Amino acid sequence: MFQETPIYNRLVAERGDIPVQVRGEAERIHRSLTPLLGPPPQVHPGRPPQGGGPGHGVRPPAAPPFPELP
C-alpha cells in the first residue's frame, strides 16, 4: 500500500517494517491459540450464527419508563 512512497521507505529504514512485524506476531498468536479455542464458527450471510455462546438468546431487561413531568 505505502511501499512506493519515500516517507514509508525512510520510516522502514529507521524503525523497521512495523506492519510486517505486527502481522507476523498476530499470526504467531493465532497459531498458538487455535488449538485451545478450536476453529472459528461458520457464519453464513443472511442467517444468524449457530451456537449457544454467552448471552445467546438472552435479552437484556427492559429499561424503566421515564417519570411523568409535572
Protein backbone atom coordinates (compact mmCIF):
# COMPACT_ATOMS: atom_id res chain seq x y z
CA MET A 1 0.00 0.00 0.00
CA PHE A 2 2.59 2.58 1.11
CA GLN A 3 5.70 0.77 -0.17
CA GLU A 4 6.19 3.17 -3.09
CA THR A 5 6.33 6.38 -1.05
CA PRO A 6 9.69 7.86 0.02
CA ILE A 7 8.47 8.58 3.57
CA TYR A 8 7.47 4.94 4.03
CA ASN A 9 10.88 3.75 2.81
CA ARG A 10 12.62 6.14 5.20
CA LEU A 11 10.49 5.04 8.16
CA VAL A 12 11.17 1.38 7.38
CA ALA A 13 14.90 2.13 7.23
CA GLU A 14 14.78 3.99 10.56
CA ARG A 15 12.27 1.93 12.56
CA GLY A 16 11.81 -1.38 10.73
CA ASP A 17 8.72 -2.58 8.89
CA ILE A 18 6.30 -2.38 11.81
CA PRO A 19 3.17 -3.53 9.89
CA VAL A 20 5.02 -6.70 8.80
CA GLN A 21 6.24 -7.30 12.36
CA VAL A 22 2.74 -6.83 13.81
CA ARG A 23 1.19 -9.12 11.18
CA GLY A 24 3.77 -11.82 11.95
CA GLU A 25 3.15 -11.55 15.70
CA ALA A 26 -0.63 -11.71 15.18
CA GLU A 27 -0.24 -14.85 13.06
CA ARG A 28 2.01 -16.42 15.72
CA ILE A 29 -0.55 -15.71 18.45
CA HIS A 30 -3.36 -17.03 16.26
CA ARG A 31 -1.45 -20.27 15.63
CA SER A 32 -0.77 -20.74 19.34
CA LEU A 33 -4.42 -20.11 20.34
CA THR A 34 -6.15 -22.13 17.61
CA PRO A 35 -5.61 -25.49 19.38
CA LEU A 36 -7.10 -24.03 22.58
CA LEU A 37 -10.09 -22.26 21.03
CA GLY A 38 -10.82 -24.53 18.10
CA PRO A 39 -11.78 -23.39 14.63
CA PRO A 40 -13.96 -20.30 14.25
CA PRO A 41 -17.71 -20.91 13.83
CA GLN A 42 -19.07 -20.98 10.31
CA VAL A 43 -21.01 -17.80 9.55
CA HIS A 44 -23.34 -17.63 6.58
CA PRO A 45 -24.57 -14.26 5.30
CA GLY A 46 -28.25 -13.71 5.97
CA ARG A 47 -28.50 -16.35 8.71
CA PRO A 48 -27.94 -15.81 12.42
CA PRO A 49 -24.88 -17.58 13.86
CA GLN A 50 -25.46 -21.01 15.36
CA GLY A 51 -24.35 -21.93 18.85
CA GLY A 52 -25.09 -21.13 22.42
CA GLY A 53 -22.31 -18.83 23.50
CA PRO A 54 -22.56 -16.47 26.44
CA GLY A 55 -25.69 -14.38 26.24
CA HIS A 56 -27.09 -16.35 23.29
CA GLY A 57 -30.85 -15.95 23.23
CA VAL A 58 -30.87 -13.80 26.34
CA ARG A 59 -32.48 -10.37 26.14
CA PRO A 60 -31.43 -7.56 28.43
CA PRO A 61 -34.07 -6.34 30.88
CA ALA A 62 -36.32 -3.57 29.64
CA ALA A 63 -35.37 -0.06 30.71
CA PRO A 64 -37.64 1.52 33.32
CA PRO A 65 -40.05 4.15 31.96
CA PHE A 66 -39.26 7.84 32.40
CA PRO A 67 -41.17 9.53 35.22
CA GLU A 68 -44.00 11.84 34.22
CA LEU A 69 -43.09 15.52 34.30
CA PRO A 70 -45.49 17.89 36.14
